[in-house]
């Protein structure tokens, strides 16, 4: 009977290789080339009923003049305290009180704003004024100057997402702050805003004429000329009536519930969601969704990265 505790015949050679900062492939190839992706994070669900009172506290307790901007980011516990929602992506809500200006800046990460309760808010992108009406999507592509202002009489809230974790993992992040007091930044027109703004009313109109997909949902991909809306972010708007077929892909997703109620089964987890809840779908994890009546989801993904690197793989059950 072999003694499992007996030393390996190549133990001395492996020790010599490691001492020379060289690793042998033969004893660690499974860790170098895994058989399939394995997400570090499980799916996670953030409820609006928990988020909203914290946003209220932030609005009252944190003066916007003292900070870059008043945003609260959903942090997944699987990442050990890092400010990450799911691999490569973060999701957040930004809160502005009437008259607040969020300091302009630009960065190499791609980011978006999706208007939830944002009537009266305006995002300015590269000198273009973009009003934020319910369901509107505003893009802030890499290295575009952008800032926000609440011109209304009520508090505004919107959903943000960005791929800072992906850019930081590549150590390719650059950030340039602007000046809140620069009146020239804020005094612009809305001419040309269509380059960065997708009105919610037009999105829903286009979605209504979109055929039901293989998974059972009507899904619209934001973008022009058949490409993803930005080089490293791919965005979708779905209307679900009934239950979708399970699907998975080699990319990560953050889902915002725009309207309606329902439940999702993601991997081994199942949860109930309602309007303005947020949940994550880690890469290569089966996910299906079921609406009570009808529901709408806004979905942020890093799919474009995998597509451009020829690493995209999708499956449907």
Protein backbone atom coordinates (compact mmCIF):
# COMPACT_ATOMS: atom_id res chain seq x y z
CA UNK A 1 0.00 0.00 0.00
CA UNK A 2 1.41 3.39 -1.05
CA UNK A 3 2.12 5.87 1.72
CA UNK A 4 0.39 9.14 0.78
CA UNK A 5 2.79 10.94 3.11
CA UNK A 6 5.87 9.77 1.23
CA UNK A 7 7.86 12.61 -0.33
CA UNK A 8 7.36 13.23 -4.04
CA UNK A 9 10.25 12.05 -6.21
CA UNK A 10 10.45 15.54 -7.73
CA UNK A 11 10.21 17.40 -4.40
CA UNK A 12 13.86 18.47 -4.43
CA UNK A 13 13.59 19.68 -8.02
CA UNK A 14 10.43 21.71 -7.25
CA UNK A 15 12.16 23.29 -4.24
CA UNK A 16 15.15 24.22 -6.43
CA UNK A 17 12.89 25.69 -9.10
CA UNK A 18 10.94 27.76 -6.57
CA UNK A 19 14.16 29.00 -5.00
CA UNK A 20 15.08 30.33 -8.44
CA UNK A 21 11.66 32.00 -8.85
CA UNK A 22 10.62 29.37 -11.38
CA UNK A 23 7.46 27.26 -11.11
CA UNK A 24 6.88 23.82 -12.64
CA UNK A 25 3.73 23.56 -14.70
CA UNK A 26 3.14 19.90 -13.99
CA UNK A 27 2.16 20.26 -10.33
CA UNK A 28 -0.06 23.35 -10.63
CA UNK A 29 -1.59 23.37 -14.10
CA UNK A 30 -5.12 23.01 -12.68
CA UNK A 31 -4.77 26.32 -10.85
CA UNK A 32 -3.20 28.01 -13.89
CA UNK A 33 -5.84 26.78 -16.35
CA UNK A 34 -9.12 26.08 -14.49
CA UNK A 35 -11.66 23.87 -16.23
CA UNK A 36 -14.30 26.66 -16.16
CA UNK A 37 -14.85 30.11 -14.61
CA UNK A 38 -15.66 30.17 -10.90
CA UNK A 39 -17.05 33.44 -9.58
CA UNK A 40 -15.59 34.66 -6.32
CA UNK A 41 -18.90 36.24 -5.36
CA UNK A 42 -22.35 34.77 -4.90
CA UNK A 43 -25.33 36.77 -6.18
CA UNK A 44 -26.32 39.55 -3.81
CA UNK A 45 -29.54 41.52 -3.30
CA UNK A 46 -29.78 45.10 -2.03
CA UNK A 47 -33.32 46.21 -1.14
CA UNK A 48 -34.47 49.74 -1.83
CA UNK A 49 -36.27 49.81 1.49
CA UNK A 50 -32.85 49.46 3.15
CA UNK A 51 -31.06 51.84 0.78
CA UNK A 52 -33.56 54.73 0.85
CA UNK A 53 -33.24 55.68 4.55
CA UNK A 54 -29.44 55.61 4.27
CA UNK A 55 -29.63 57.93 1.27
CA UNK A 56 -31.86 60.22 3.32
CA UNK A 57 -29.28 60.28 6.11
CA UNK A 58 -26.47 61.00 3.64
CA UNK A 59 -28.43 63.95 2.22
CA UNK A 60 -28.92 65.42 5.69
CA UNK A 61 -25.57 64.59 7.29
CA UNK A 62 -23.03 65.02 4.45
CA UNK A 63 -22.67 68.51 2.91
CA UNK A 64 -21.95 68.13 -0.79
CA UNK A 65 -19.49 71.06 -0.58
CA UNK A 66 -17.17 68.94 1.56
CA UNK A 67 -16.96 65.91 -0.73
CA UNK A 68 -16.51 64.82 -4.35
CA UNK A 69 -20.14 63.70 -4.56
CA UNK A 70 -22.80 62.13 -2.37
CA UNK A 71 -23.00 58.56 -3.64
CA UNK A 72 -23.59 55.35 -1.70
CA UNK A 73 -22.08 52.24 -3.30
CA UNK A 74 -23.27 48.66 -2.92
CA UNK A 75 -20.31 46.64 -1.65
CA UNK A 76 -20.34 42.84 -1.91
CA UNK A 77 -18.90 41.16 1.22
CA UNK A 78 -17.12 38.54 -0.90
CA UNK A 79 -14.48 41.11 -1.87
CA UNK A 80 -13.10 41.56 1.63
CA UNK A 81 -14.12 45.15 2.22
CA UNK A 82 -13.23 46.40 -1.27
CA UNK A 83 -15.69 48.82 -2.85
CA UNK A 84 -16.91 46.34 -5.47
CA UNK A 85 -20.47 45.28 -6.31
CA UNK A 86 -19.54 42.36 -8.55
CA UNK A 87 -16.34 41.55 -10.44
CA UNK A 88 -15.34 44.53 -12.62
CA UNK A 89 -18.38 46.67 -11.73
CA UNK A 90 -19.82 48.94 -9.06
CA UNK A 91 -23.41 50.07 -8.61
CA UNK A 92 -24.50 53.06 -6.51
CA UNK A 93 -27.17 55.67 -5.87
CA UNK A 94 -26.36 59.38 -5.95
CA UNK A 95 -28.39 61.84 -3.88
CA UNK A 96 -28.59 65.60 -4.51
CA UNK A 97 -30.49 68.17 -2.50
CA UNK A 98 -32.01 71.20 -4.30
CA UNK A 99 -29.22 73.48 -5.53
CA UNK A 100 -26.47 70.90 -5.02
CA UNK A 101 -23.63 70.75 -7.54
CA UNK A 102 -21.60 67.54 -7.70
CA UNK A 103 -17.99 68.43 -8.47
CA UNK A 104 -17.06 67.92 -12.15
CA UNK A 105 -14.37 65.40 -13.01
CA UNK A 106 -13.30 62.89 -15.61
CA UNK A 107 -11.69 59.45 -15.48
CA UNK A 108 -10.68 56.49 -17.60
CA UNK A 109 -13.48 54.30 -16.24
CA UNK A 110 -16.77 54.13 -18.11
CA UNK A 111 -19.86 55.16 -16.14
CA UNK A 112 -23.61 55.61 -16.54
CA UNK A 113 -26.53 57.28 -14.77
CA UNK A 114 -30.06 55.85 -14.89
CA UNK A 115 -32.76 58.23 -13.62
CA UNK A 116 -34.98 56.77 -10.92
CA UNK A 117 -36.25 59.74 -8.86
CA UNK A 118 -34.22 62.40 -10.61
CA UNK A 119 -36.74 64.96 -11.89
CA UNK A 120 -34.99 68.31 -11.72
CA UNK A 121 -31.49 66.87 -11.99
CA UNK A 122 -29.17 67.54 -14.91
CA UNK A 123 -25.96 65.80 -15.88
CA UNK A 124 -23.51 67.76 -18.01
CA UNK A 125 -21.23 65.66 -20.23
CA UNK A 126 -18.50 67.32 -22.31
CA UNK A 127 -20.42 70.57 -22.50
CA UNK A 128 -23.77 68.91 -23.26
CA UNK A 129 -26.72 69.41 -20.93
CA UNK A 130 -28.63 66.15 -20.29
CA UNK A 131 -31.92 66.40 -18.33
CA UNK A 132 -32.65 63.33 -16.19
CA UNK A 133 -36.29 62.27 -16.52
CA UNK A 134 -37.55 58.91 -15.21
CA UNK A 135 -36.05 56.05 -17.19
CA UNK A 136 -33.43 58.20 -18.93
CA UNK A 137 -29.95 56.77 -19.40
CA UNK A 138 -26.97 59.16 -19.39
CA UNK A 139 -23.54 57.98 -20.53
CA UNK A 140 -20.25 59.34 -19.23
CA UNK A 141 -17.70 57.63 -21.51
CA UNK A 142 -13.99 57.43 -20.61
CA UNK A 143 -12.28 60.80 -20.08
CA UNK A 144 -15.44 62.85 -20.66
CA UNK A 145 -15.85 65.75 -18.28
CA UNK A 146 -19.09 65.36 -16.33
CA UNK A 147 -20.90 66.89 -13.38
CA UNK A 148 -24.40 66.97 -11.88
CA UNK A 149 -26.74 69.63 -10.54
CA UNK A 150 -30.17 69.53 -8.92
CA UNK A 151 -32.13 72.44 -10.34
CA UNK A 152 -35.45 71.28 -8.86
CA UNK A 153 -37.21 71.89 -5.56
CA UNK A 154 -36.96 68.29 -4.32
CA UNK A 155 -34.24 65.79 -3.52
CA UNK A 156 -33.13 63.80 -6.57
CA UNK A 157 -31.84 60.23 -6.67
CA UNK A 158 -30.47 58.18 -9.52
CA UNK A 159 -28.67 54.89 -10.09
CA UNK A 160 -25.00 54.94 -11.07
CA UNK A 161 -22.77 52.17 -12.39
CA UNK A 162 -19.13 52.14 -13.45
CA UNK A 163 -16.31 49.73 -14.22
CA UNK A 164 -13.69 51.20 -11.88
CA UNK A 165 -12.78 47.72 -10.54
CA UNK A 166 -11.88 46.49 -14.04
CA UNK A 167 -9.84 49.59 -14.82
CA UNK A 168 -8.05 49.44 -11.46
CA UNK A 169 -7.30 45.73 -11.92
CA UNK A 170 -5.50 46.70 -15.12
CA UNK A 171 -3.81 49.58 -13.24
CA UNK A 172 -4.99 51.92 -15.98
CA UNK A 173 -6.95 54.42 -13.88
CA UNK A 174 -6.51 58.16 -14.37
CA UNK A 175 -8.67 60.74 -12.59
CA UNK A 176 -8.81 64.51 -13.06
CA UNK A 177 -10.91 66.70 -10.72
CA UNK A 178 -12.58 69.86 -11.91
CA UNK A 179 -13.84 72.93 -10.04
CA UNK A 180 -17.36 73.14 -8.61
CA UNK A 181 -17.24 76.93 -8.82
CA UNK A 182 -16.46 77.07 -12.57
CA UNK A 183 -19.66 78.67 -13.89
CA UNK A 184 -18.63 78.04 -17.49
CA UNK A 185 -18.97 74.31 -16.89
CA UNK A 186 -22.62 74.59 -15.81
CA UNK A 187 -23.81 77.23 -18.32
CA UNK A 188 -24.26 75.06 -21.41
CA UNK A 189 -27.11 74.10 -23.75
CA UNK A 190 -28.71 70.74 -24.43
CA UNK A 191 -27.69 70.83 -28.11
CA UNK A 192 -25.98 67.56 -28.98
CA UNK A 193 -27.11 65.83 -25.80
CA UNK A 194 -28.35 62.89 -27.87
CA UNK A 195 -24.77 61.66 -28.05
CA UNK A 196 -24.92 60.83 -24.33
CA UNK A 197 -28.64 60.62 -23.47
CA UNK A 198 -31.12 57.83 -24.18
CA UNK A 199 -34.61 59.09 -23.19
CA UNK A 200 -36.67 56.54 -21.28
CA UNK A 201 -39.82 57.19 -23.35
CA UNK A 202 -37.97 56.33 -26.57
CA UNK A 203 -36.41 53.25 -25.00
CA UNK A 204 -39.81 51.88 -23.98
CA UNK A 205 -41.27 52.67 -27.40
CA UNK A 206 -38.47 50.79 -29.14
CA UNK A 207 -38.74 47.91 -26.67
CA UNK A 208 -42.46 47.52 -27.41
CA UNK A 209 -41.64 46.66 -31.03
CA UNK A 210 -38.76 44.34 -30.08
CA UNK A 211 -39.63 40.64 -30.43
CA UNK A 212 -39.50 38.33 -27.44
CA UNK A 213 -36.04 36.76 -27.20
CA UNK A 214 -35.09 33.11 -26.81
CA UNK A 215 -35.11 33.47 -23.02
CA UNK A 216 -38.70 34.72 -22.98
CA UNK A 217 -38.03 38.41 -22.28
CA UNK A 218 -38.11 41.46 -24.51
CA UNK A 219 -34.61 42.91 -24.28
CA UNK A 220 -33.20 46.04 -25.86
CA UNK A 221 -29.45 46.52 -26.14
CA UNK A 222 -28.42 50.15 -25.83
CA UNK A 223 -26.06 51.31 -28.54
CA UNK A 224 -25.71 52.42 -32.09
CA UNK A 225 -24.62 50.58 -35.24
CA UNK A 226 -24.86 47.20 -33.54
CA UNK A 227 -21.98 47.74 -31.11
CA UNK A 228 -22.02 48.01 -27.33
CA UNK A 229 -22.85 51.46 -26.04
CA UNK A 230 -19.28 51.92 -24.71
CA UNK A 231 -16.11 49.89 -25.41
CA UNK A 232 -16.02 48.24 -21.98
CA UNK A 233 -19.66 48.38 -20.84
CA UNK A 234 -22.76 46.77 -22.38
CA UNK A 235 -26.21 47.90 -21.22
CA UNK A 236 -29.66 46.35 -21.61
CA UNK A 237 -33.31 47.10 -20.83
CA UNK A 238 -35.65 44.13 -20.39
CA UNK A 239 -39.38 43.70 -19.98
CA UNK A 240 -40.33 40.43 -18.33
CA UNK A 241 -43.82 38.95 -18.47
CA UNK A 242 -43.84 35.55 -16.84
CA UNK A 243 -40.68 33.52 -16.31
CA UNK A 244 -37.46 33.58 -18.33
CA UNK A 245 -35.35 30.58 -19.24
CA UNK A 246 -32.09 30.23 -17.27
CA UNK A 247 -29.03 31.66 -18.98
CA UNK A 248 -25.42 32.34 -18.13
CA UNK A 249 -22.47 34.11 -19.68
CA UNK A 250 -18.81 34.79 -19.05
CA UNK A 251 -19.64 38.35 -17.96
CA UNK A 252 -20.97 39.99 -14.78
CA UNK A 253 -24.18 41.96 -14.39
CA UNK A 254 -25.86 44.40 -12.01
CA UNK A 255 -29.64 44.58 -12.33
CA UNK A 256 -31.81 47.53 -11.29
CA UNK A 257 -35.53 46.90 -10.94
CA UNK A 258 -37.10 49.79 -12.85
CA UNK A 259 -40.71 48.75 -12.31
CA UNK A 260 -42.78 45.87 -11.05
CA UNK A 261 -42.12 43.00 -8.69
CA UNK A 262 -40.83 39.49 -9.08
CA UNK A 263 -38.19 37.02 -8.08
CA UNK A 264 -34.94 35.67 -9.45
CA UNK A 265 -33.07 32.42 -9.14
CA UNK A 266 -29.35 33.07 -9.51
CA UNK A 267 -27.10 30.08 -8.95
CA UNK A 268 -28.30 28.44 -5.76
CA UNK A 269 -29.87 31.64 -4.45
CA UNK A 270 -33.46 32.84 -4.79
CA UNK A 271 -34.80 36.24 -3.79
CA UNK A 272 -37.85 38.47 -4.16
CA UNK A 273 -37.41 41.95 -5.57
CA UNK A 274 -39.42 45.13 -6.11
CA UNK A 275 -39.00 48.61 -7.59
CA UNK A 276 -35.51 50.16 -7.27
CA UNK A 277 -33.99 47.03 -5.72
CA UNK A 278 -30.57 46.05 -7.06
CA UNK A 279 -29.07 42.58 -7.42
CA UNK A 280 -25.94 41.10 -8.94
CA UNK A 281 -25.45 38.18 -11.31
CA UNK A 282 -21.84 36.91 -11.14
CA UNK A 283 -20.16 35.61 -14.27
CA UNK A 284 -20.89 32.08 -15.47
CA UNK A 285 -23.84 31.73 -13.08
CA UNK A 286 -27.25 30.50 -14.19
CA UNK A 287 -29.96 33.13 -13.74
CA UNK A 288 -33.68 33.22 -14.44
CA UNK A 289 -36.28 35.86 -13.58
CA UNK A 290 -40.02 35.76 -12.97
CA UNK A 291 -42.30 38.80 -12.87
CA UNK A 292 -45.60 39.19 -11.11
CA UNK A 293 -47.54 40.51 -14.06
CA UNK A 294 -44.84 42.57 -15.77
CA UNK A 295 -41.54 44.07 -14.65
CA UNK A 296 -38.67 46.03 -16.15
CA UNK A 297 -34.97 45.55 -15.47
CA UNK A 298 -32.09 47.83 -16.39
CA UNK A 299 -28.97 45.68 -16.68
CA UNK A 300 -25.34 46.85 -16.58
CA UNK A 301 -22.69 44.36 -17.71
CA UNK A 302 -19.00 44.09 -18.56
CA UNK A 303 -19.94 41.89 -21.54
CA UNK A 304 -18.19 44.23 -23.97
CA UNK A 305 -14.80 43.46 -22.42
CA UNK A 306 -15.23 39.72 -22.97
CA UNK A 307 -16.62 40.24 -26.46
CA UNK A 308 -13.68 42.35 -27.56
CA UNK A 309 -11.17 39.90 -26.06
CA UNK A 310 -12.92 36.98 -27.83
CA UNK A 311 -13.77 35.48 -24.44
CA UNK A 312 -17.55 35.79 -24.69
CA UNK A 313 -19.52 32.61 -24.10
CA UNK A 314 -23.25 32.37 -23.41
CA UNK A 315 -25.58 29.45 -22.73
CA UNK A 316 -29.36 29.07 -22.44
CA UNK A 317 -31.20 26.19 -20.81
